[in-house]
Amino acid sequence: MATIKDVAKYAGVSTTTVSHVINKTRFVAEDTCNAVWAAIKALHYSPSAVARSLKVNHTRSIGLLATSSEAPYFAEIIEAIENRCFSRGYTLILGNAHNDLQKQHAYLSMMAQKRVDGLLVMCSEYPDDLLNMLEENRNIPMVVMDWGASQGDFTDTVLDNAFEGGYLAGCYLIERGHRDIGAIPGQMERNTGGGRHAGFIKALNEAHISIHKEWIVQGDFEPESGYQAMLHILAQKHRPTAVFCGGDIMAMGAICAADEMGLRVPQDISIIGYDNVRNARYFTPALTTVHQPKQQLGETAFDMLLDRIINKREHAQVIEVHPTLIERRSVSDGPFLNYRR
């Protein structure tokens, strides 16, 4: 099935021009219009339901296409967005698609029918099919969060600097004297999994620390995966002195596994998490973690979207938020504390 990119390439114009021709949102020269419509006819292109629903009036409603509102990480960002919406007089329409492409398409169509003024996108995975779907609906003001890098000129992007956060975690464990270090990353295909883990690996490589493959067990950001991964790591003949968990919820499972194996955290094994979810302070022991500025991420994304809506800004912007280390009680000094790298 032809996409708006195919039409633009066939007609020799930009995708923005194709959008303006279809939706009559800006004057386009007659020759260019004719070329675009000829390309549409030749390729049998049919604009998506969302594109056909281009609004003419503001409804003071915002759509949020998300992975889930249940996971603490996403829930805190969604709460920040909802509070920002309410304070500015907007209604938030939430669609939890759980990375299901069919549900994502259905929610986008529903939000178009509701004539939302703009769209926020916060999905943990961005396959090409989803990116194409979003680009075909570029006529709706849009901001995408947490996909790692800008994918085009049709949307603003908020970068969470996952790599930087993973690097912080690795450097911290090394500075505390640990050299035998394991990891429980999230799904590597996600920015929150692969990006954080890549930063962690860079810290180890810079310190010339060997990476033991048997100490790296992938999880899925759920506590059970952290529990099972830690059991696997602790079953090895030689154990690490510290483990970096790519998410606080996995760290909770890892702490539970260590306790059941008769190990004390941090006396026998240190654990550091990532996200600084609201309850991380109340883990036992209180979790040392990398703080992800979730409230700032949500508020920044909404403010960027509002700028697009009110000022009709079309050029894409990229804004970064930066993680910081939160030191609590789940990491103790390692055997190489006074060793110079």
Protein backbone atom coordinates (compact mmCIF):
# COMPACT_ATOMS: atom_id res chain seq x y z
CA MET A 1 0.00 0.00 0.00
CA ALA A 2 1.38 3.38 -1.01
CA THR A 3 2.37 5.86 1.67
CA ILE A 4 2.60 9.64 1.69
CA LYS A 5 6.37 9.24 1.21
CA ASP A 6 5.75 7.30 -2.00
CA VAL A 7 3.44 10.02 -3.28
CA ALA A 8 5.97 12.74 -2.47
CA LYS A 9 8.78 10.86 -4.21
CA TYR A 10 6.63 10.17 -7.30
CA ALA A 11 5.57 13.82 -7.56
CA GLY A 12 9.03 15.16 -6.77
CA VAL A 13 7.88 17.19 -3.77
CA SER A 14 8.11 17.02 0.03
CA THR A 15 5.66 15.09 2.22
CA THR A 16 4.65 18.42 3.77
CA THR A 17 3.57 19.68 0.33
CA VAL A 18 1.54 16.52 -0.25
CA SER A 19 -0.21 17.07 3.08
CA HIS A 20 -1.03 20.70 2.22
CA VAL A 21 -2.42 19.68 -1.17
CA ILE A 22 -4.64 16.95 0.29
CA ASN A 23 -5.93 19.04 3.19
CA LYS A 24 -5.91 22.44 1.46
CA THR A 25 -4.10 23.98 4.42
CA ARG A 26 -1.79 26.24 2.40
CA PHE A 27 -1.59 27.67 -1.10
CA VAL A 28 0.30 25.37 -3.47
CA ALA A 29 1.03 26.20 -7.12
CA GLU A 30 -1.38 24.65 -9.61
CA ASP A 31 1.31 22.66 -11.41
CA THR A 32 2.47 21.19 -8.12
CA CYS A 33 -1.09 20.35 -7.10
CA ASN A 34 -1.64 18.59 -10.40
CA ALA A 35 1.57 16.59 -9.96
CA VAL A 36 0.54 15.51 -6.47
CA TRP A 37 -2.97 14.44 -7.51
CA ALA A 38 -1.52 12.58 -10.49
CA ALA A 39 0.82 10.72 -8.15
CA ILE A 40 -2.07 9.91 -5.79
CA LYS A 41 -4.08 8.51 -8.67
CA ALA A 42 -1.17 6.54 -10.15
CA LEU A 43 -0.23 4.98 -6.81
CA HIS A 44 -3.83 4.47 -5.65
CA TYR A 45 -2.97 6.30 -2.45
CA SER A 46 -5.71 6.71 0.12
CA PRO A 47 -5.07 9.16 2.99
CA SER A 48 -5.59 7.64 6.41
CA ALA A 49 -8.74 8.20 8.42
CA VAL A 50 -6.80 10.52 10.71
CA ALA A 51 -5.58 12.67 7.84
CA ARG A 52 -9.09 12.95 6.40
CA SER A 53 -10.29 14.15 9.80
CA LEU A 54 -8.19 17.30 9.83
CA LYS A 55 -9.82 19.63 12.29
CA VAL A 56 -10.92 23.17 11.54
CA ASN A 57 -11.65 24.27 15.11
CA HIS A 58 -9.90 23.76 18.43
CA THR A 59 -11.57 21.29 20.80
CA ARG A 60 -9.14 21.91 23.70
CA SER A 61 -8.44 18.21 23.87
CA ILE A 62 -5.12 16.37 23.58
CA GLY A 63 -4.61 12.75 22.57
CA LEU A 64 -1.97 10.59 24.23
CA LEU A 65 -1.02 7.35 22.50
CA ALA A 66 0.85 5.33 25.13
CA THR A 67 2.15 1.84 25.75
CA SER A 68 0.57 1.45 29.18
CA SER A 69 -0.59 3.52 32.13
CA GLU A 70 0.02 0.68 34.60
CA ALA A 71 3.83 0.59 34.74
CA PRO A 72 5.07 3.11 37.36
CA TYR A 73 7.45 4.78 34.88
CA PHE A 74 4.69 5.53 32.37
CA ALA A 75 2.10 6.28 35.06
CA GLU A 76 4.16 9.10 36.54
CA ILE A 77 4.73 10.72 33.14
CA ILE A 78 1.04 10.43 32.26
CA GLU A 79 0.11 11.98 35.61
CA ALA A 80 2.40 14.95 34.89
CA ILE A 81 0.83 15.41 31.44
CA GLU A 82 -2.70 15.18 32.81
CA ASN A 83 -1.96 17.77 35.49
CA ARG A 84 -0.44 20.11 32.89
CA CYS A 85 -3.45 19.62 30.61
CA PHE A 86 -5.89 20.42 33.41
CA SER A 87 -4.00 23.54 34.47
CA ARG A 88 -4.13 24.84 30.87
CA GLY A 89 -7.79 23.99 30.35
CA TYR A 90 -7.30 20.93 28.13
CA THR A 91 -8.84 17.46 28.31
CA LEU A 92 -6.57 14.44 27.91
CA ILE A 93 -7.75 11.45 25.86
CA LEU A 94 -5.62 8.40 26.70
CA GLY A 95 -5.14 5.34 24.52
CA ASN A 96 -3.15 2.44 26.02
CA ALA A 97 -2.18 0.38 22.98
CA HIS A 98 0.36 -2.01 24.59
CA ASN A 99 2.50 -1.84 21.42
CA ASP A 100 -0.29 -3.48 19.38
CA LEU A 101 -0.26 -1.92 15.89
CA GLN A 102 -3.96 -2.57 15.31
CA LYS A 103 -4.88 -0.88 18.58
CA GLN A 104 -2.53 2.01 17.80
CA HIS A 105 -4.28 2.52 14.46
CA ALA A 106 -7.71 2.33 16.11
CA TYR A 107 -6.78 4.85 18.80
CA LEU A 108 -5.33 7.27 16.25
CA SER A 109 -8.56 7.08 14.24
CA MET A 110 -10.66 7.57 17.37
CA MET A 111 -8.63 10.61 18.41
CA ALA A 112 -9.06 12.09 14.95
CA GLN A 113 -12.81 11.61 15.16
CA LYS A 114 -12.71 13.40 18.52
CA ARG A 115 -10.81 16.14 16.66
CA VAL A 116 -7.98 16.44 19.17
CA ASP A 117 -5.93 19.62 18.88
CA GLY A 118 -2.66 17.71 19.15
CA LEU A 119 -1.11 14.34 19.82
CA LEU A 120 1.48 13.11 22.30
CA VAL A 121 3.08 9.74 21.60
CA MET A 122 4.81 7.69 24.29
CA CYS A 123 5.36 4.13 23.08
CA SER A 124 8.14 1.87 24.28
CA GLU A 125 8.68 0.54 20.74
CA TYR A 126 8.69 2.38 17.40
CA PRO A 127 8.66 -0.13 14.53
CA ASP A 128 8.60 1.19 10.97
CA ASP A 129 4.86 0.51 10.61
CA LEU A 130 4.10 2.79 13.55
CA LEU A 131 6.49 5.50 12.35
CA ASN A 132 4.87 5.43 8.90
CA MET A 133 1.44 5.68 10.50
CA LEU A 134 2.51 8.68 12.55
CA GLU A 135 4.11 10.41 9.57
CA GLU A 136 0.98 9.94 7.47
CA ASN A 137 -0.84 11.92 10.16
CA ARG A 138 1.68 14.70 10.31
CA ASN A 139 -1.06 17.29 9.85
CA ILE A 140 -1.93 16.83 13.52
CA PRO A 141 0.52 18.73 15.78
CA MET A 142 2.61 16.00 17.39
CA VAL A 143 5.33 15.41 19.97
CA VAL A 144 7.01 12.05 20.43
CA MET A 145 8.71 11.07 23.69
CA ASP A 146 11.37 8.54 24.45
CA TRP A 147 12.22 7.02 21.07
CA GLY A 148 15.90 7.72 21.37
CA ALA A 149 16.51 9.89 18.32
CA SER A 150 14.55 12.11 15.97
CA GLN A 151 12.94 10.17 13.12
CA GLY A 152 11.92 13.02 10.85
CA ASP A 153 10.77 16.60 10.52
CA PHE A 154 7.09 15.96 11.19
CA THR A 155 7.23 15.88 14.99
CA ASP A 156 8.97 17.41 17.96
CA THR A 157 11.05 15.01 20.02
CA VAL A 158 11.90 14.82 23.72
CA LEU A 159 15.10 12.83 24.28
CA ASP A 160 15.55 11.13 27.66
CA ASN A 161 19.30 10.42 27.27
CA ALA A 162 19.05 6.78 28.31
CA PHE A 163 22.67 6.19 27.29
CA GLU A 164 23.85 8.92 29.64
CA GLY A 165 21.91 7.38 32.52
CA GLY A 166 23.34 3.92 31.98
CA TYR A 167 26.82 5.42 31.85
CA LEU A 168 26.17 7.19 35.16
CA ALA A 169 25.16 3.91 36.80
CA GLY A 170 28.23 2.07 35.53
CA CYS A 171 30.63 4.83 36.58
CA TYR A 172 29.07 5.00 40.04
CA LEU A 173 29.55 1.28 40.70
CA ILE A 174 33.15 1.50 39.49
CA GLU A 175 33.85 4.54 41.69
CA ARG A 176 32.46 2.63 44.67
CA GLY A 177 35.09 -0.05 44.12
CA HIS A 178 33.23 -2.69 42.12
CA ARG A 179 34.88 -4.56 39.25
CA ASP A 180 32.79 -7.75 39.11
CA ILE A 181 29.57 -6.21 37.82
CA GLY A 182 26.48 -7.83 36.33
CA ALA A 183 23.42 -6.33 34.66
CA ILE A 184 19.73 -6.99 34.15
CA PRO A 185 18.75 -4.77 31.19
CA GLY A 186 15.28 -4.38 29.76
CA GLN A 187 14.40 -5.30 26.19
CA MET A 188 17.37 -4.31 24.02
CA GLU A 189 15.18 -3.21 21.08
CA ARG A 190 13.74 -0.43 23.25
CA ASN A 191 15.57 2.81 23.92
CA THR A 192 14.91 2.34 27.63
CA GLY A 193 16.57 -1.09 27.48
CA GLY A 194 19.25 -0.92 24.81
CA GLY A 195 20.23 2.71 25.40
CA ARG A 196 20.72 2.33 29.15
CA HIS A 197 22.64 -0.90 28.74
CA ALA A 198 24.91 0.59 26.07
CA GLY A 199 25.86 3.45 28.39
CA PHE A 200 26.59 0.98 31.19
CA ILE A 201 28.82 -1.10 28.90
CA LYS A 202 30.73 2.01 27.83
CA ALA A 203 31.58 2.78 31.47
CA LEU A 204 32.95 -0.74 31.94
CA ASN A 205 34.92 -0.61 28.72
CA GLU A 206 36.51 2.73 29.65
CA ALA A 207 37.63 1.22 32.96
CA HIS A 208 38.99 -1.88 31.16
CA ILE A 209 36.63 -4.11 33.14
CA SER A 210 35.86 -7.52 31.69
CA ILE A 211 32.22 -8.18 30.85
CA HIS A 212 31.04 -11.62 31.93
CA LYS A 213 28.22 -12.70 29.62
CA GLU A 214 26.81 -15.06 32.24
CA TRP A 215 26.25 -12.05 34.50
CA ILE A 216 24.11 -10.22 31.93
CA VAL A 217 20.54 -11.54 31.79
CA GLN A 218 17.84 -9.61 29.93
CA GLY A 219 14.56 -8.82 31.66
CA ASP A 220 11.35 -7.12 30.51
CA PHE A 221 10.98 -4.33 33.12
CA GLU A 222 8.63 -6.48 35.22
CA PRO A 223 9.57 -7.65 38.76
CA GLU A 224 9.36 -11.36 37.87
CA SER A 225 11.98 -10.93 35.15
CA GLY A 226 14.32 -9.20 37.61
CA TYR A 227 13.73 -12.01 40.10
CA GLN A 228 14.46 -14.78 37.58
CA ALA A 229 17.46 -12.95 36.12
CA MET A 230 19.03 -12.51 39.55
CA LEU A 231 18.47 -16.17 40.39
CA HIS A 232 20.37 -17.05 37.19
CA ILE A 233 23.23 -14.67 38.02
CA LEU A 234 23.52 -15.93 41.60
CA ALA A 235 23.54 -19.54 40.41
CA GLN A 236 26.93 -18.97 38.75
CA LYS A 237 30.03 -20.41 40.43
CA HIS A 238 31.57 -16.93 40.54
CA ARG A 239 29.19 -14.12 41.47
CA PRO A 240 29.38 -10.36 40.82
CA THR A 241 29.65 -7.93 43.71
CA ALA A 242 27.17 -5.52 42.12
CA VAL A 243 24.32 -5.62 39.59
CA PHE A 244 22.87 -2.80 37.50
CA CYS A 245 19.14 -3.22 36.89
CA GLY A 246 17.82 -1.27 33.90
CA GLY A 247 14.58 -0.48 35.76
CA ASP A 248 13.61 -0.06 39.40
CA ILE A 249 10.79 -2.60 39.16
CA MET A 250 13.26 -5.26 37.98
CA ALA A 251 15.54 -4.22 40.85
CA MET A 252 12.70 -4.96 43.25
CA GLY A 253 12.53 -8.52 41.91
CA ALA A 254 16.32 -8.81 42.04
CA ILE A 255 16.43 -7.76 45.70
CA CYS A 256 13.77 -10.35 46.49
CA ALA A 257 15.79 -13.10 44.76
CA ALA A 258 18.97 -12.15 46.62
CA ASP A 259 17.10 -12.25 49.93
CA GLU A 260 15.68 -15.69 49.20
CA MET A 261 19.21 -16.92 48.37
CA GLY A 262 20.34 -15.76 51.82
CA LEU A 263 22.26 -12.73 50.59
CA ARG A 264 22.06 -9.28 52.14
CA VAL A 265 21.77 -6.13 50.04
CA PRO A 266 24.14 -4.30 49.99
CA GLN A 267 26.49 -6.16 52.36
CA ASP A 268 26.78 -9.25 50.13
CA ILE A 269 25.72 -7.82 46.77
CA SER A 270 25.01 -4.23 45.68
CA ILE A 271 22.08 -3.34 43.43
CA ILE A 272 21.45 -0.11 41.53
CA GLY A 273 18.24 0.63 39.63
CA TYR A 274 16.98 3.11 37.05
CA ASP A 275 13.95 5.45 36.86
CA ASN A 276 13.59 6.48 40.52
CA VAL A 277 9.95 5.44 40.57
CA ARG A 278 7.90 6.87 43.38
CA ASN A 279 8.25 3.82 45.64
CA ALA A 280 12.01 3.28 45.15
CA ARG A 281 12.63 5.15 48.40
CA TYR A 282 10.59 2.54 50.25
CA PHE A 283 12.28 -0.62 48.94
CA THR A 284 14.27 -2.58 51.53
CA PRO A 285 16.93 -1.33 51.44
CA ALA A 286 16.09 2.07 49.94
CA LEU A 287 17.17 1.83 46.30
CA THR A 288 20.11 3.70 44.86
CA THR A 289 18.98 4.54 41.34
CA VAL A 290 19.27 6.80 38.32
CA HIS A 291 16.58 9.47 38.44
CA GLN A 292 14.62 9.88 35.24
CA PRO A 293 13.00 13.37 35.31
CA LYS A 294 9.56 11.98 34.46
CA GLN A 295 7.57 15.04 35.50
CA GLN A 296 9.85 17.32 33.49
CA LEU A 297 9.62 14.98 30.50
CA GLY A 298 5.81 15.02 30.54
CA GLU A 299 5.50 18.76 31.12
CA THR A 300 8.09 19.60 28.47
CA ALA A 301 6.35 17.43 25.90
CA PHE A 302 3.00 19.10 26.58
CA ASP A 303 4.49 22.61 26.43
CA MET A 304 6.14 21.83 23.09
CA LEU A 305 2.85 20.51 21.74
CA LEU A 306 0.97 23.59 22.94
CA ASP A 307 3.52 25.77 21.14
CA ARG A 308 2.86 23.86 17.92
CA ILE A 309 -0.90 24.21 18.36
CA ILE A 310 -1.07 27.89 19.35
CA ASN A 311 1.77 29.30 17.27
CA LYS A 312 1.28 26.89 14.35
CA ARG A 313 4.99 26.14 14.42
CA GLU A 314 5.95 23.59 11.76
CA HIS A 315 9.73 23.19 12.09
CA ALA A 316 10.75 20.32 14.34
CA GLN A 317 12.41 20.86 17.70
CA VAL A 318 14.40 18.46 19.86
CA ILE A 319 14.64 18.98 23.63
CA GLU A 320 16.68 16.84 25.99
CA VAL A 321 16.16 15.93 29.64
CA HIS A 322 19.06 14.52 31.63
CA PRO A 323 19.16 11.76 34.26
CA THR A 324 20.87 12.16 37.64
CA LEU A 325 22.09 9.72 40.27
CA ILE A 326 20.12 9.25 43.50
CA GLU A 327 22.27 7.68 46.22
CA ARG A 328 20.47 5.65 48.88
CA ARG A 329 21.35 2.39 50.67
CA SER A 330 21.41 -0.48 48.17
CA VAL A 331 25.05 -0.02 47.09
CA SER A 332 28.02 -0.52 49.40
CA ASP A 333 31.75 -0.11 48.82
CA GLY A 334 33.35 -2.80 46.68
CA PRO A 335 36.69 -4.56 47.21
CA PHE A 336 38.56 -2.16 44.88
CA LEU A 337 37.44 1.11 46.45
CA ASN A 338 40.94 2.51 46.76
CA TYR A 339 42.17 1.06 43.47
CA ARG A 340 43.22 3.64 40.87
CA ARG A 341 42.00 2.96 37.34
